Protein backbone atom coordinates (compact mmCIF):
# COMPACT_ATOMS: atom_id res chain seq x y z
CA MET A 1 17.48 -19.77 5.58
CA VAL A 2 18.04 -18.41 2.14
CA SER A 3 14.84 -19.15 1.34
CA ILE A 4 12.93 -17.63 4.34
CA PHE A 5 14.80 -14.54 3.97
CA ALA A 6 13.70 -14.25 -0.12
CA ASP A 7 10.12 -14.06 1.36
CA TYR A 8 10.72 -11.31 3.87
CA VAL A 9 12.30 -9.42 0.98
CA ILE A 10 9.49 -9.85 -1.56
CA VAL A 11 6.94 -9.19 0.88
CA ALA A 12 8.57 -5.89 1.83
CA SER A 13 8.23 -5.06 -1.37
CA PHE A 14 4.91 -5.71 -1.85
CA GLY A 15 4.65 -2.93 0.67
CA ALA A 16 6.55 -0.84 -0.49
CA PHE A 17 5.53 -1.32 -4.10
CA LEU A 18 1.70 0.04 -2.60
CA GLY A 19 2.84 2.99 -0.78
CA LEU A 20 4.74 4.08 -3.59
CA SER A 21 1.68 3.71 -6.16
CA GLU A 22 0.12 5.74 -3.41
CA LEU A 23 2.31 8.19 -3.36
CA LEU A 24 2.79 8.37 -6.70
CA ALA A 25 -0.95 9.44 -8.18
CA ARG A 26 -0.65 12.14 -5.79
CA TYR A 27 1.53 14.32 -6.93
CA ARG A 28 1.04 14.94 -11.45
CA ASP A 29 3.51 17.86 -11.55
CA GLU A 30 7.20 15.26 -10.37
CA PRO A 31 5.84 12.00 -8.61
CA TRP A 32 9.27 11.07 -7.90
CA LEU A 33 10.17 13.76 -5.97
CA ALA A 34 7.04 12.71 -3.22
CA VAL A 35 9.26 9.88 -1.83
CA VAL A 36 12.81 11.56 -2.09
CA ASN A 37 11.85 12.93 1.58
CA TRP A 38 12.22 11.66 5.12
CA SER A 39 8.05 11.58 5.53
CA GLY A 40 7.60 9.69 2.15
CA GLY A 41 10.15 7.01 2.68
CA LEU A 42 8.33 6.30 6.14
CA TYR A 43 5.21 6.43 4.63
CA VAL A 44 6.68 3.36 1.87
CA GLY A 45 8.54 2.25 5.40
CA ILE A 46 5.25 1.67 7.00
CA ASN A 47 3.77 -0.44 4.49
CA SER A 48 6.30 -2.80 4.35
CA ILE A 49 6.97 -3.23 7.93
CA ALA A 50 3.21 -4.21 7.62
CA GLY A 51 3.90 -7.21 5.48
CA LEU A 52 6.79 -8.01 7.46
CA GLY A 53 4.67 -8.64 10.50
CA ALA A 54 1.92 -10.50 8.85
CA LEU A 55 4.22 -13.19 7.35
CA PHE A 56 6.42 -13.39 10.66
CA VAL A 57 3.19 -13.78 12.36
CA LEU A 58 1.92 -15.97 9.73
CA ASN A 59 5.64 -18.70 10.30
CA VAL A 60 5.46 -18.48 13.78
CA PHE A 61 2.07 -19.75 14.04
CA GLU A 62 2.65 -21.87 11.17
CA VAL A 63 -0.43 -21.55 9.52
CA ASP A 64 -0.51 -24.01 6.05
CA PHE A 65 -4.07 -22.88 4.69
CA GLY A 66 -5.04 -27.15 5.53
CA MET A 67 -2.21 -27.53 2.05
CA ASP A 68 -0.15 -30.58 1.96
CA LYS A 69 3.15 -29.86 3.23
CA THR A 70 4.49 -33.68 2.43
CA THR A 71 4.90 -32.90 -1.75
CA LEU A 72 6.83 -30.26 -3.45
CA HIS A 73 3.69 -28.98 -5.36
CA GLY A 74 2.45 -28.50 -1.61
CA LEU A 75 5.11 -26.40 -0.34
CA TYR A 76 5.15 -24.02 -3.26
CA GLN A 77 1.21 -23.62 -3.46
CA LEU A 78 1.90 -22.50 0.50
CA ARG A 79 4.90 -20.55 0.28
CA VAL A 80 3.35 -18.08 -2.53
CA SER A 81 -0.22 -18.55 -0.73
CA LEU A 82 1.56 -16.85 2.18
CA LEU A 83 3.91 -14.44 0.69
CA ILE A 84 0.21 -13.00 -1.19
CA THR A 85 -1.49 -13.10 2.76
CA ALA A 86 1.16 -11.42 3.84
CA GLY A 87 1.71 -9.02 1.58
CA PHE A 88 -1.20 -7.91 0.27
CA GLY A 89 -3.60 -8.57 3.39
CA ALA A 90 -2.08 -6.92 5.54
CA MET A 91 -2.43 -3.88 3.49
CA ALA A 92 -6.18 -4.49 3.45
CA ILE A 93 -6.27 -4.75 7.11
CA PHE A 94 -4.20 -1.46 7.40
CA ARG A 95 -6.22 -0.41 4.99
CA SER A 96 -9.32 -0.87 7.18
CA SER A 97 -11.48 0.96 9.41
CA ILE A 98 -14.65 -0.24 12.13
CA PHE A 99 -16.38 3.18 11.17
CA THR A 100 -16.00 7.12 9.92
CA PHE A 101 -16.82 9.55 11.66
CA ARG A 102 -17.12 13.69 9.95
CA VAL A 103 -14.86 16.32 10.89
CA GLY A 104 -15.96 19.63 9.31
CA ASP A 105 -15.61 18.68 5.30
CA LYS A 106 -13.69 15.33 6.00
CA ASP A 107 -14.74 11.69 6.65
CA LEU A 108 -11.86 10.26 8.84
CA PRO A 109 -12.21 6.56 9.39
CA VAL A 110 -11.69 4.80 12.94
CA GLY A 111 -9.38 1.59 12.96
CA PRO A 112 -6.18 1.02 11.46
CA ALA A 113 -7.04 3.28 8.42
CA LEU A 114 -6.27 5.86 10.79
CA ILE A 115 -2.66 5.51 11.21
CA LEU A 116 -2.13 5.05 7.68
CA GLN A 117 -4.18 8.32 6.97
CA ILE A 118 -2.01 10.37 9.14
CA LEU A 119 0.78 9.22 7.87
CA LEU A 120 0.01 10.02 4.00
CA ASP A 121 -0.72 13.71 5.53
CA VAL A 122 1.95 13.96 7.18
CA ALA A 123 3.76 13.31 4.10
CA ASP A 124 1.83 15.35 2.19
CA ARG A 125 2.52 18.51 4.28
CA ALA A 126 6.40 17.80 3.64
CA VAL A 127 6.29 17.16 0.18
CA ASP A 128 3.82 20.38 -0.77
CA ARG A 129 6.71 22.02 1.23
CA GLY A 130 9.48 21.35 0.27
CA ARG A 131 7.35 21.35 -3.39
CA ALA A 132 6.59 24.48 -3.03
CA PHE A 133 10.09 26.46 -2.85
CA SER A 134 10.92 24.86 -6.35
CA ARG A 135 7.56 25.30 -7.86
CA SER A 136 7.54 29.30 -7.04
CA LYS A 137 11.33 29.57 -8.43
CA LEU A 138 10.77 27.47 -11.42
CA VAL A 139 7.19 29.62 -11.98
CA ALA A 140 8.84 32.83 -12.04
CA ASP A 141 11.45 32.02 -14.43
CA THR A 142 9.39 31.04 -16.42
CA MET A 143 6.41 32.97 -16.88
CA LYS A 144 8.43 36.49 -16.07
CA ASN A 145 7.91 37.55 -19.47
CA VAL A 146 4.36 36.07 -20.60
CA ASP A 147 1.70 37.89 -20.85
CA PHE A 148 -1.30 36.51 -19.43
CA ASP A 149 -3.92 37.91 -21.61
CA LYS A 150 -2.13 36.65 -24.28
CA ALA A 151 -1.15 32.93 -22.76
CA LYS A 152 -4.16 32.18 -21.10
CA LEU A 153 -6.19 30.41 -24.30
CA ALA A 154 -2.64 29.52 -26.02
CA LEU A 155 -0.05 27.90 -23.15
CA PRO A 156 -2.82 25.81 -21.50
CA THR A 157 -3.96 24.54 -25.21
CA TYR A 158 -0.69 24.42 -26.16
CA SER A 159 0.43 22.75 -23.07
CA MET A 160 -1.64 20.33 -22.80
CA ALA A 161 -1.41 19.47 -26.79
CA LEU A 162 1.77 18.34 -26.04
CA MET A 163 1.24 15.04 -24.01
CA GLN A 164 -0.82 12.12 -25.30
CA ASN A 165 -2.29 10.50 -22.22
CA VAL A 166 -3.47 13.95 -20.21
CA THR A 167 -7.66 13.09 -20.61
CA SER A 168 -10.54 15.29 -21.57
CA GLU A 169 -11.03 15.66 -17.85
CA GLU A 170 -8.17 17.15 -16.84
CA GLN A 171 -8.29 19.35 -19.93
CA SER A 172 -11.62 20.30 -19.22
CA ALA A 173 -10.52 20.82 -15.20
CA ILE A 174 -7.57 23.05 -16.64
CA ARG A 175 -9.85 25.59 -18.95
CA THR A 176 -12.48 26.03 -15.87
CA GLN A 177 -9.72 26.78 -13.75
CA VAL A 178 -8.51 29.08 -16.26
CA ASP A 179 -11.54 30.82 -16.83
CA ALA A 180 -11.81 31.15 -13.32
CA LEU A 181 -8.34 32.54 -12.38
CA ASP A 182 -9.24 35.21 -15.20
CA SER A 183 -12.58 36.75 -14.01
CA SER A 184 -11.65 36.40 -10.21
CA LEU A 185 -8.01 37.76 -10.04
CA SER A 186 -9.41 41.05 -12.72
CA GLY A 187 -7.97 43.25 -10.43
CA ILE A 188 -5.07 41.98 -10.01
CA ASP A 189 -1.23 42.48 -11.15
CA LYS A 190 -1.02 40.64 -14.48
CA SER A 191 2.16 39.45 -13.83
CA ILE A 192 0.92 37.59 -10.52
CA SER A 193 -1.82 36.13 -12.75
CA SER A 194 0.96 34.52 -15.34
CA LEU A 195 2.43 33.00 -12.36
CA ILE A 196 -1.17 31.35 -10.86
CA LEU A 197 -1.01 30.22 -15.13
CA GLY A 198 2.24 28.55 -14.76
CA LEU A 199 1.46 27.04 -11.82
CA LEU A 200 -2.18 25.06 -13.09
CA ILE A 201 -0.58 24.01 -16.30
CA LEU A 202 2.64 22.59 -14.06
CA ASN A 203 0.52 20.33 -11.91
CA VAL A 204 -0.53 18.98 -15.12
CA ILE A 205 2.66 18.42 -17.58
CA GLY A 206 5.52 19.02 -15.25
CA GLU A 207 8.64 21.00 -15.01
CA GLU A 208 10.14 20.39 -18.41
CA VAL A 209 7.02 20.76 -20.77
CA LEU A 210 5.97 24.36 -18.96
CA GLU A 211 9.28 25.49 -19.98
CA SER A 212 9.50 23.92 -23.39
CA ALA A 213 5.81 24.98 -24.25
CA VAL A 214 6.96 28.86 -23.06
CA GLU A 215 9.98 28.56 -25.63
CA THR A 216 8.24 27.48 -28.00
CA LEU A 217 5.42 30.13 -27.98
CA GLY A 218 8.05 32.28 -27.24
CA GLU A 219 7.01 36.22 -28.51
CA ARG A 220 3.17 35.09 -29.23
CA ILE A 221 2.48 35.32 -25.56
CA GLN A 222 4.34 37.54 -24.20
């Protein structure tokens, strides 16, 4: 009984880890906040439940993959096989689709993957709404005295240099976005441009690094 319970715990952990990893990869500024809400928790939970259901079915039908259950070694191999199949196989099935169709500029899967995509979209919207309020307040406080013309080159460059794992592609993307911001918002108040600049940088480096970078540069960008 203890062994069976442990197997279900392990399989649920596999599913939760996969769902958690997927959410964390989507939110770079404060990734852990992606799961500290009901929708993120639901998404992680669905992944766990899928694995639990798969293991239950395998146990009910006494699937043994043709292994020898009369030896300790064979039982060990069977247990590991069941855990891997239920933990990761269910996720593969859950992410599969029969075919896809295009709606506007987005490809939508038809099959089990559609359920997962809907849940992920719900989590996206809930996290974005929750983060929008705190991001707006943080950037307003951090960038309130920053001059856009002085900061548009210095602040992104310094912020990226502070980070050790920001890729060259991410740095290039930030530079492109800042250049586009500089040219497209020429008729808008510079204080608003500074706020948007802060949001662009925040997406990559997070809250604490942005605050530290602005504080360190100080009067040089004010």
